[in-house]
Amino acid sequence: MEKLPKIGLPILIGVVVIVILVAKSLVTIGPGEGGVLFEPLGNGINTERTYGEGFHIVAPWNDMIVQKVRQQSISDNMNVLSVNGLDITVSGTIWFEPEYKNLGKLIQTKGEDYIRELLNPAINAAAKSVVGRYTPEQLYSSKRDIIELEILEEVRKELDGQYVNVKRVLVENVKLPTTIKDAIERKLKQEQESLEYEFRLVTAKKEAEKVIIEAQGKADANRILSASLTDKILQDKGIEATVKLSESSNSKVIVIGSGDSGMPIILGNQ
């Protein structure tokens, strides 16, 4: 009985060690994540394999570095200069994802904090390069979509061969000095009012042309009709009308050849 505590203590210690080793060896990689094995007794980061989602068993002396491999986004405010040297603050968001099969190389070359070490500097460099080509007015209004595409192209050039894929860039806001912003808004308002005035002038002109064309058409029709109504035609029409009246059951008096040009005159109708 006195030997049991002496035997039980090593067993207890062994059980604790086994539990620790098992817990250390079992690694869970969550949805949208990937793992890279760090082998301190080997060559460090294992760049040959990226571990996918689920449970994995690794040697207890190795570490599993887990990173997100799904599409992610980061937002930032960048202070840049326009083409005329004006200080501008650009707020934007970028969507990206690391290359899954090259996750080990990315961590090996840029570290686990690759977003700060690699991505942020590339975005700032691209934004400064692109924004520096435009005036404040272009940045504030008309060139937003073009600027986004150019920043995206510049970021992709900066990150070429760096194991990160950039999907999209969105310029959310361009903050200008108040005086410059107010001046641009006044100019845009004046341009809009000018366009509205021109539209009203064009509409009025078209309406006037429509009225003229309609009046001209009516005048032409009347002229053609007048030219076609000769005395002979009018006499023939009068004869046709007289014949129809004579066939009517109503009593009437018709004097033949007593009107101008010999046209019939109807004296009575009962």
C-alpha atoms as a PDB file:
ATOM      1  CA  MET A   1       0.000   0.000   0.000  1.00  0.00           C
ATOM      2  CA  GLU A   2       2.865   2.404   0.787  1.00  0.00           C
ATOM      3  CA  LYS A   3       4.349   1.803  -2.703  1.00  0.00           C
ATOM      4  CA  LEU A   4       1.194   2.845  -4.580  1.00  0.00           C
ATOM      5  CA  PRO A   5       1.767   6.623  -4.266  1.00  0.00           C
ATOM      6  CA  LYS A   6       5.332   6.199  -5.503  1.00  0.00           C
ATOM      7  CA  ILE A   7       4.112   4.212  -8.527  1.00  0.00           C
ATOM      8  CA  GLY A   8       1.084   6.407  -9.167  1.00  0.00           C
ATOM      9  CA  LEU A   9       3.028   9.696  -9.366  1.00  0.00           C
ATOM     10  CA  PRO A  10       5.139   8.741 -12.403  1.00  0.00           C
ATOM     11  CA  ILE A  11       2.029   7.349 -14.090  1.00  0.00           C
ATOM     12  CA  LEU A  12       0.199  10.587 -13.426  1.00  0.00           C
ATOM     13  CA  ILE A  13       3.102  12.596 -14.786  1.00  0.00           C
ATOM     14  CA  GLY A  14       3.236  10.344 -17.855  1.00  0.00           C
ATOM     15  CA  VAL A  15      -0.477  10.782 -18.475  1.00  0.00           C
ATOM     16  CA  VAL A  16      -0.149  14.548 -18.205  1.00  0.00           C
ATOM     17  CA  VAL A  17       2.774  14.565 -20.644  1.00  0.00           C
ATOM     18  CA  ILE A  18       0.850  12.360 -23.100  1.00  0.00           C
ATOM     19  CA  VAL A  19      -2.180  14.652 -22.907  1.00  0.00           C
ATOM     20  CA  ILE A  20       0.014  17.697 -23.539  1.00  0.00           C
ATOM     21  CA  LEU A  21       1.732  16.007 -26.488  1.00  0.00           C
ATOM     22  CA  VAL A  22      -1.597  14.917 -27.996  1.00  0.00           C
ATOM     23  CA  ALA A  23      -3.058  18.407 -27.552  1.00  0.00           C
ATOM     24  CA  LYS A  24       0.053  19.874 -29.131  1.00  0.00           C
ATOM     25  CA  SER A  25      -0.117  17.425 -32.026  1.00  0.00           C
ATOM     26  CA  LEU A  26      -3.796  17.978 -32.873  1.00  0.00           C
ATOM     27  CA  VAL A  27      -4.345  21.080 -34.985  1.00  0.00           C
ATOM     28  CA  THR A  28      -7.678  22.399 -36.252  1.00  0.00           C
ATOM     29  CA  ILE A  29      -7.801  24.603 -39.337  1.00  0.00           C
ATOM     30  CA  GLY A  30     -11.073  26.484 -39.688  1.00  0.00           C
ATOM     31  CA  PRO A  31     -13.187  27.336 -42.749  1.00  0.00           C
ATOM     32  CA  GLY A  32     -11.475  29.665 -45.198  1.00  0.00           C
ATOM     33  CA  GLU A  33      -8.077  29.080 -43.603  1.00  0.00           C
ATOM     34  CA  GLY A  34      -4.894  27.328 -44.585  1.00  0.00           C
ATOM     35  CA  GLY A  35      -1.947  26.061 -42.576  1.00  0.00           C
ATOM     36  CA  VAL A  36       1.806  26.033 -43.072  1.00  0.00           C
ATOM     37  CA  LEU A  37       4.075  23.813 -41.008  1.00  0.00           C
ATOM     38  CA  PHE A  38       7.042  25.351 -39.206  1.00  0.00           C
ATOM     39  CA  GLU A  39       9.738  22.734 -38.473  1.00  0.00           C
ATOM     40  CA  PRO A  40      12.283  24.155 -36.021  1.00  0.00           C
ATOM     41  CA  LEU A  41      14.352  20.972 -36.173  1.00  0.00           C
ATOM     42  CA  GLY A  42      14.241  20.930 -39.965  1.00  0.00           C
ATOM     43  CA  ASN A  43      14.343  23.667 -42.606  1.00  0.00           C
ATOM     44  CA  GLY A  44      11.909  26.045 -40.934  1.00  0.00           C
ATOM     45  CA  ILE A  45       8.839  26.872 -43.018  1.00  0.00           C
ATOM     46  CA  ASN A  46       7.691  23.943 -45.129  1.00  0.00           C
ATOM     47  CA  THR A  47       6.870  25.561 -48.479  1.00  0.00           C
ATOM     48  CA  GLU A  48       5.921  22.310 -50.195  1.00  0.00           C
ATOM     49  CA  ARG A  49       2.480  21.881 -48.678  1.00  0.00           C
ATOM     50  CA  THR A  50      -0.443  23.995 -47.568  1.00  0.00           C
ATOM     51  CA  TYR A  51      -2.776  22.259 -45.117  1.00  0.00           C
ATOM     52  CA  GLY A  52      -6.510  22.639 -45.717  1.00  0.00           C
ATOM     53  CA  GLU A  53      -9.504  22.828 -43.405  1.00  0.00           C
ATOM     54  CA  GLY A  54     -10.071  20.175 -40.733  1.00  0.00           C
ATOM     55  CA  PHE A  55      -8.059  18.211 -38.133  1.00  0.00           C
ATOM     56  CA  HIS A  56      -4.370  17.513 -38.637  1.00  0.00           C
ATOM     57  CA  ILE A  57      -1.780  15.641 -36.566  1.00  0.00           C
ATOM     58  CA  VAL A  58       1.711  17.092 -36.482  1.00  0.00           C
ATOM     59  CA  ALA A  59       4.827  16.319 -34.509  1.00  0.00           C
ATOM     60  CA  PRO A  60       4.621  18.055 -31.136  1.00  0.00           C
ATOM     61  CA  TRP A  61       7.875  19.942 -31.747  1.00  0.00           C
ATOM     62  CA  ASN A  62       6.499  21.490 -34.935  1.00  0.00           C
ATOM     63  CA  ASP A  63       4.130  24.467 -35.142  1.00  0.00           C
ATOM     64  CA  MET A  64       1.232  24.990 -37.522  1.00  0.00           C
ATOM     65  CA  ILE A  65       0.922  28.589 -38.735  1.00  0.00           C
ATOM     66  CA  VAL A  66      -2.692  29.245 -39.687  1.00  0.00           C
ATOM     67  CA  GLN A  67      -3.679  32.085 -42.038  1.00  0.00           C
ATOM     68  CA  LYS A  68      -6.866  33.147 -43.846  1.00  0.00           C
ATOM     69  CA  VAL A  69      -6.797  32.097 -47.477  1.00  0.00           C
ATOM     70  CA  ARG A  70     -10.269  33.299 -48.509  1.00  0.00           C
ATOM     71  CA  GLN A  71     -10.900  36.730 -50.029  1.00  0.00           C
ATOM     72  CA  GLN A  72     -10.314  39.528 -47.524  1.00  0.00           C
ATOM     73  CA  SER A  73     -10.509  43.306 -47.532  1.00  0.00           C
ATOM     74  CA  ILE A  74      -8.666  46.137 -45.856  1.00  0.00           C
ATOM     75  CA  SER A  75      -9.575  49.831 -45.758  1.00  0.00           C
ATOM     76  CA  ASP A  76      -7.195  52.718 -45.373  1.00  0.00           C
ATOM     77  CA  ASN A  77      -6.931  56.518 -45.538  1.00  0.00           C
ATOM     78  CA  MET A  78      -4.013  57.695 -47.666  1.00  0.00           C
ATOM     79  CA  ASN A  79      -2.560  61.194 -47.864  1.00  0.00           C
ATOM     80  CA  VAL A  80      -1.471  61.872 -51.431  1.00  0.00           C
ATOM     81  CA  LEU A  81      -0.715  64.824 -53.709  1.00  0.00           C
ATOM     82  CA  SER A  82      -2.665  65.798 -56.823  1.00  0.00           C
ATOM     83  CA  VAL A  83      -0.985  66.779 -60.089  1.00  0.00           C
ATOM     84  CA  ASN A  84      -0.818  70.423 -58.940  1.00  0.00           C
ATOM     85  CA  GLY A  85       0.624  69.529 -55.526  1.00  0.00           C
ATOM     86  CA  LEU A  86      -2.576  69.813 -53.472  1.00  0.00           C
ATOM     87  CA  ASP A  87      -2.729  67.613 -50.368  1.00  0.00           C
ATOM     88  CA  ILE A  88      -5.641  65.140 -50.684  1.00  0.00           C
ATOM     89  CA  THR A  89      -6.926  62.355 -48.443  1.00  0.00           C
ATOM     90  CA  VAL A  90      -8.197  59.295 -50.302  1.00  0.00           C
ATOM     91  CA  SER A  91     -10.244  56.631 -48.508  1.00  0.00           C
ATOM     92  CA  GLY A  92     -10.339  53.241 -50.172  1.00  0.00           C
ATOM     93  CA  THR A  93     -10.867  49.523 -49.781  1.00  0.00           C
ATOM     94  CA  ILE A  94      -8.983  46.706 -51.468  1.00  0.00           C
ATOM     95  CA  TRP A  95     -10.015  43.062 -51.809  1.00  0.00           C
ATOM     96  CA  PHE A  96      -7.296  40.419 -51.964  1.00  0.00           C
ATOM     97  CA  GLU A  97      -6.428  36.832 -51.194  1.00  0.00           C
ATOM     98  CA  PRO A  98      -3.112  34.981 -50.772  1.00  0.00           C
ATOM     99  CA  GLU A  99      -2.199  32.273 -53.243  1.00  0.00           C
ATOM    100  CA  TYR A 100      -3.228  29.070 -51.512  1.00  0.00           C
ATOM    101  CA  LYS A 101      -0.536  26.802 -52.896  1.00  0.00           C
ATOM    102  CA  ASN A 102       2.182  29.404 -52.219  1.00  0.00           C
ATOM    103  CA  LEU A 103       1.107  30.303 -48.681  1.00  0.00           C
ATOM    104  CA  GLY A 104       4.344  28.842 -47.285  1.00  0.00           C
ATOM    105  CA  LYS A 105       6.490  30.971 -49.612  1.00  0.00           C
ATOM    106  CA  LEU A 106       4.476  34.071 -48.711  1.00  0.00           C
ATOM    107  CA  ILE A 107       5.015  33.554 -44.985  1.00  0.00           C
ATOM    108  CA  GLN A 108       8.646  32.589 -45.488  1.00  0.00           C
ATOM    109  CA  THR A 109       9.482  35.726 -47.497  1.00  0.00           C
ATOM    110  CA  LYS A 110       7.116  38.314 -45.987  1.00  0.00           C
ATOM    111  CA  GLY A 111       6.235  36.944 -42.567  1.00  0.00           C
ATOM    112  CA  GLU A 112       2.900  36.257 -40.935  1.00  0.00           C
ATOM    113  CA  ASP A 113       2.044  39.973 -40.925  1.00  0.00           C
ATOM    114  CA  TYR A 114       2.365  40.205 -44.694  1.00  0.00           C
ATOM    115  CA  ILE A 115      -0.566  42.627 -44.919  1.00  0.00           C
ATOM    116  CA  ARG A 116       1.373  45.312 -43.067  1.00  0.00           C
ATOM    117  CA  GLU A 117       4.743  44.371 -44.525  1.00  0.00           C
ATOM    118  CA  LEU A 118       3.710  43.912 -48.153  1.00  0.00           C
ATOM    119  CA  LEU A 119       0.163  44.943 -48.988  1.00  0.00           C
ATOM    120  CA  ASN A 120      -0.138  48.336 -47.297  1.00  0.00           C
ATOM    121  CA  PRO A 121       3.067  49.764 -48.824  1.00  0.00           C
ATOM    122  CA  ALA A 122       2.029  48.543 -52.292  1.00  0.00           C
ATOM    123  CA  ILE A 123      -1.398  50.190 -51.981  1.00  0.00           C
ATOM    124  CA  ASN A 124       0.042  53.502 -50.811  1.00  0.00           C
ATOM    125  CA  ALA A 125       2.640  53.538 -53.582  1.00  0.00           C
ATOM    126  CA  ALA A 126       0.001  52.815 -56.222  1.00  0.00           C
ATOM    127  CA  ALA A 127      -2.387  55.460 -54.869  1.00  0.00           C
ATOM    128  CA  LYS A 128       0.308  58.143 -54.842  1.00  0.00           C
ATOM    129  CA  SER A 129       1.377  57.261 -58.376  1.00  0.00           C
ATOM    130  CA  VAL A 130      -2.158  57.342 -59.816  1.00  0.00           C
ATOM    131  CA  VAL A 131      -3.631  60.286 -57.889  1.00  0.00           C
ATOM    132  CA  GLY A 132      -0.604  62.388 -58.828  1.00  0.00           C
ATOM    133  CA  ARG A 133      -1.774  62.312 -62.464  1.00  0.00           C
ATOM    134  CA  TYR A 134      -5.093  64.085 -61.859  1.00  0.00           C
ATOM    135  CA  THR A 135      -6.443  67.450 -60.794  1.00  0.00           C
ATOM    136  CA  PRO A 136      -8.635  67.817 -57.678  1.00  0.00           C
ATOM    137  CA  GLU A 137     -11.713  68.328 -59.869  1.00  0.00           C
ATOM    138  CA  GLN A 138     -11.087  65.085 -61.766  1.00  0.00           C
ATOM    139  CA  LEU A 139     -10.544  63.202 -58.519  1.00  0.00           C
ATOM    140  CA  TYR A 140     -13.700  64.634 -56.974  1.00  0.00           C
ATOM    141  CA  SER A 141     -16.083  63.952 -59.825  1.00  0.00           C
ATOM    142  CA  SER A 142     -15.494  62.549 -63.279  1.00  0.00           C
ATOM    143  CA  LYS A 143     -12.484  60.242 -63.048  1.00  0.00           C
ATOM    144  CA  ARG A 144     -13.371  58.043 -60.052  1.00  0.00           C
ATOM    145  CA  ASP A 145     -13.904  54.788 -61.995  1.00  0.00           C
ATOM    146  CA  ILE A 146     -10.789  55.283 -64.102  1.00  0.00           C
ATOM    147  CA  ILE A 147      -8.709  56.000 -60.991  1.00  0.00           C
ATOM    148  CA  GLU A 148      -9.901  52.776 -59.349  1.00  0.00           C
ATOM    149  CA  LEU A 149      -8.857  50.728 -62.374  1.00  0.00           C
ATOM    150  CA  GLU A 150      -5.464  52.429 -62.593  1.00  0.00           C
ATOM    151  CA  ILE A 151      -4.769  51.885 -58.876  1.00  0.00           C
ATOM    152  CA  LEU A 152      -5.738  48.220 -59.289  1.00  0.00           C
ATOM    153  CA  GLU A 153      -3.289  47.851 -62.188  1.00  0.00           C
ATOM    154  CA  GLU A 154      -0.512  49.591 -60.249  1.00  0.00           C
ATOM    155  CA  VAL A 155      -1.049  47.422 -57.139  1.00  0.00           C
ATOM    156  CA  ARG A 156      -0.937  44.283 -59.254  1.00  0.00           C
ATOM    157  CA  LYS A 157       2.349  45.424 -60.774  1.00  0.00           C
ATOM    158  CA  GLU A 158       3.770  46.106 -57.305  1.00  0.00           C
ATOM    159  CA  LEU A 159       2.705  42.653 -56.066  1.00  0.00           C
ATOM    160  CA  ASP A 160       3.686  40.684 -59.151  1.00  0.00           C
ATOM    161  CA  GLY A 161       5.408  37.487 -57.999  1.00  0.00           C
ATOM    162  CA  GLN A 162       4.671  38.224 -54.314  1.00  0.00           C
ATOM    163  CA  TYR A 163       2.057  35.431 -53.881  1.00  0.00           C
ATOM    164  CA  VAL A 164      -0.907  37.782 -53.291  1.00  0.00           C
ATOM    165  CA  ASN A 165      -3.773  38.304 -55.745  1.00  0.00           C
ATOM    166  CA  VAL A 166      -5.600  41.639 -55.673  1.00  0.00           C
ATOM    167  CA  LYS A 167      -9.203  41.375 -56.851  1.00  0.00           C
ATOM    168  CA  ARG A 168     -10.677  44.867 -56.678  1.00  0.00           C
ATOM    169  CA  VAL A 169     -10.026  48.433 -55.548  1.00  0.00           C
ATOM    170  CA  LEU A 170     -12.760  50.838 -54.445  1.00  0.00           C
ATOM    171  CA  VAL A 171     -12.172  54.563 -53.918  1.00  0.00           C
ATOM    172  CA  GLU A 172     -14.818  55.440 -51.336  1.00  0.00           C
ATOM    173  CA  ASN A 173     -14.068  59.089 -50.664  1.00  0.00           C
ATOM    174  CA  VAL A 174     -11.791  61.891 -51.811  1.00  0.00           C
ATOM    175  CA  LYS A 175     -11.356  64.567 -49.151  1.00  0.00           C
ATOM    176  CA  LEU A 176     -10.282  67.967 -50.439  1.00  0.00           C
ATOM    177  CA  PRO A 177      -9.621  71.228 -48.583  1.00  0.00           C
ATOM    178  CA  THR A 178     -12.931  72.984 -47.902  1.00  0.00           C
ATOM    179  CA  THR A 179     -12.215  75.976 -50.162  1.00  0.00           C
ATOM    180  CA  ILE A 180     -11.300  73.744 -53.114  1.00  0.00           C
ATOM    181  CA  LYS A 181     -14.307  71.488 -52.566  1.00  0.00           C
ATOM    182  CA  ASP A 182     -16.728  74.454 -52.430  1.00  0.00           C
ATOM    183  CA  ALA A 183     -15.252  75.941 -55.607  1.00  0.00           C
ATOM    184  CA  ILE A 184     -15.597  72.626 -57.459  1.00  0.00           C
ATOM    185  CA  GLU A 185     -19.196  72.175 -56.305  1.00  0.00           C
ATOM    186  CA  ARG A 186     -20.092  75.707 -57.453  1.00  0.00           C
ATOM    187  CA  LYS A 187     -18.542  75.036 -60.844  1.00  0.00           C
ATOM    188  CA  LEU A 188     -20.363  71.710 -61.198  1.00  0.00           C
ATOM    189  CA  LYS A 189     -23.654  73.381 -60.267  1.00  0.00           C
ATOM    190  CA  GLN A 190     -23.123  76.104 -62.861  1.00  0.00           C
ATOM    191  CA  GLU A 191     -22.300  73.510 -65.508  1.00  0.00           C
ATOM    192  CA  GLN A 192     -25.447  71.584 -64.639  1.00  0.00           C
ATOM    193  CA  GLU A 193     -27.600  74.711 -64.863  1.00  0.00           C
ATOM    194  CA  SER A 194     -26.005  75.559 -68.214  1.00  0.00           C
ATOM    195  CA  LEU A 195     -26.784  72.086 -69.545  1.00  0.00           C
ATOM    196  CA  GLU A 196     -30.398  72.372 -68.364  1.00  0.00           C
ATOM    197  CA  TYR A 197     -30.733  75.772 -70.080  1.00  0.00           C
ATOM    198  CA  GLU A 198     -29.296  74.408 -73.326  1.00  0.00           C
ATOM    199  CA  PHE A 199     -31.727  71.500 -73.122  1.00  0.00           C
ATOM    200  CA  ARG A 200     -34.676  73.867 -72.740  1.00  0.00           C
ATOM    201  CA  LEU A 201     -33.471  75.912 -75.731  1.00  0.00           C
ATOM    202  CA  VAL A 202     -33.117  72.819 -77.891  1.00  0.00           C
ATOM    203  CA  THR A 203     -36.569  71.594 -76.814  1.00  0.00           C
ATOM    204  CA  ALA A 204     -38.176  74.972 -77.578  1.00  0.00           C
ATOM    205  CA  LYS A 205     -36.455  75.104 -80.963  1.00  0.00           C
ATOM    206  CA  LYS A 206     -37.696  71.640 -81.862  1.00  0.00           C
ATOM    207  CA  GLU A 207     -41.254  72.548 -80.818  1.00  0.00           C
ATOM    208  CA  ALA A 208     -41.126  75.700 -82.978  1.00  0.00           C
ATOM    209  CA  GLU A 209     -39.821  73.705 -85.927  1.00  0.00           C
ATOM    210  CA  LYS A 210     -42.637  71.195 -85.434  1.00  0.00           C
ATOM    211  CA  VAL A 211     -45.282  73.951 -85.512  1.00  0.00           C
ATOM    212  CA  ILE A 212     -43.730  75.462 -88.643  1.00  0.00           C
ATOM    213  CA  ILE A 213     -43.621  72.100 -90.381  1.00  0.00           C
ATOM    214  CA  GLU A 214     -47.255  71.361 -89.494  1.00  0.00           C
ATOM    215  CA  ALA A 215     -48.382  74.813 -90.703  1.00  0.00           C
ATOM    216  CA  GLN A 216     -46.382  74.434 -93.908  1.00  0.00           C
ATOM    217  CA  GLY A 217     -47.952  71.027 -94.486  1.00  0.00           C
ATOM    218  CA  LYS A 218     -51.450  72.412 -94.055  1.00  0.00           C
ATOM    219  CA  ALA A 219     -50.679  75.330 -96.382  1.00  0.00           C
ATOM    220  CA  ASP A 220     -49.309  72.990 -99.026  1.00  0.00           C
ATOM    221  CA  ALA A 221     -52.355  70.738 -98.732  1.00  0.00           C
ATOM    222  CA  ASN A 222     -54.742  73.688 -99.123  1.00  0.00           C
ATOM    223  CA  ARG A 223     -52.794  74.984-102.107  1.00  0.00           C
ATOM    224  CA  ILE A 224     -52.872  71.606-103.822  1.00  0.00           C
ATOM    225  CA  LEU A 225     -56.596  71.241-103.066  1.00  0.00           C
ATOM    226  CA  SER A 226     -57.368  74.715-104.399  1.00  0.00           C
ATOM    227  CA  ALA A 227     -55.391  74.079-107.552  1.00  0.00           C
ATOM    228  CA  SER A 228     -57.267  70.827-108.170  1.00  0.00           C
ATOM    229  CA  LEU A 229     -60.792  72.288-107.732  1.00  0.00           C
ATOM    230  CA  THR A 230     -61.500  73.616-111.259  1.00  0.00           C
ATOM    231  CA  ASP A 231     -64.866  74.979-112.383  1.00  0.00           C
ATOM    232  CA  LYS A 232     -65.530  71.813-114.367  1.00  0.00           C
ATOM    233  CA  ILE A 233     -64.990  69.640-111.266  1.00  0.00           C
ATOM    234  CA  LEU A 234     -67.275  71.858-109.185  1.00  0.00           C
ATOM    235  CA  GLN A 235     -70.015  71.650-111.850  1.00  0.00           C
ATOM    236  CA  ASP A 236     -69.742  67.869-111.950  1.00  0.00           C
ATOM    237  CA  LYS A 237     -69.989  67.720-108.141  1.00  0.00           C
ATOM    238  CA  GLY A 238     -73.045  70.007-108.320  1.00  0.00           C
ATOM    239  CA  ILE A 239     -74.737  67.733-110.821  1.00  0.00           C
ATOM    240  CA  GLU A 240     -74.055  64.703-108.634  1.00  0.00           C
ATOM    241  CA  ALA A 241     -75.574  66.490-105.649  1.00  0.00           C
ATOM    242  CA  THR A 242     -78.658  67.532-107.726  1.00  0.00           C
ATOM    243  CA  VAL A 243     -79.273  63.964-108.822  1.00  0.00           C
ATOM    244  CA  LYS A 244     -79.140  62.739-105.218  1.00  0.00           C
ATOM    245  CA  LEU A 245     -81.511  65.475-104.082  1.00  0.00           C
ATOM    246  CA  SER A 246     -83.970  64.653-106.847  1.00  0.00           C
ATOM    247  CA  GLU A 247     -84.092  61.087-105.613  1.00  0.00           C
ATOM    248  CA  SER A 248     -85.024  62.230-102.102  1.00  0.00           C
ATOM    249  CA  SER A 249     -88.692  61.875-100.948  1.00  0.00           C
ATOM    250  CA  ASN A 250     -88.656  65.357 -99.434  1.00  0.00           C
ATOM    251  CA  SER A 251     -90.362  68.076-101.472  1.00  0.00           C
ATOM    252  CA  LYS A 252     -88.110  70.798-102.819  1.00  0.00           C
ATOM    253  CA  VAL A 253     -87.760  73.259-105.671  1.00  0.00           C
ATOM    254  CA  ILE A 254     -84.592  73.110-107.743  1.00  0.00           C
ATOM    255  CA  VAL A 255     -83.834  75.743-110.333  1.00  0.00           C
ATOM    256  CA  ILE A 256     -81.384  74.346-112.875  1.00  0.00           C
ATOM    257  CA  GLY A 257     -78.720  76.713-114.181  1.00  0.00           C
ATOM    258  CA  SER A 258     -79.789  79.714-112.089  1.00  0.00           C
ATOM    259  CA  GLY A 259     -76.728  79.913-109.824  1.00  0.00           C
ATOM    260  CA  ASP A 260     -73.261  81.280-110.540  1.00  0.00           C
ATOM    261  CA  SER A 261     -71.581  79.246-113.277  1.00  0.00           C
ATOM    262  CA  GLY A 262     -74.905  77.557-113.965  1.00  0.00           C
ATOM    263  CA  MET A 263     -74.925  75.572-110.688  1.00  0.00           C
ATOM    264  CA  PRO A 264     -78.336  74.365-109.365  1.00  0.00           C
ATOM    265  CA  ILE A 265     -80.089  76.402-106.658  1.00  0.00           C
ATOM    266  CA  ILE A 266     -82.226  74.712-104.019  1.00  0.00           C
ATOM    267  CA  LEU A 267     -85.237  77.007-103.329  1.00  0.00           C
ATOM    268  CA  GLY A 268     -87.091  74.927-100.830  1.00  0.00           C
ATOM    269  CA  ASN A 269     -86.825  71.867 -98.624  1.00  0.00           C
ATOM    270  CA  GLN A 270     -89.711  70.487 -96.562  1.00  0.00           C
END
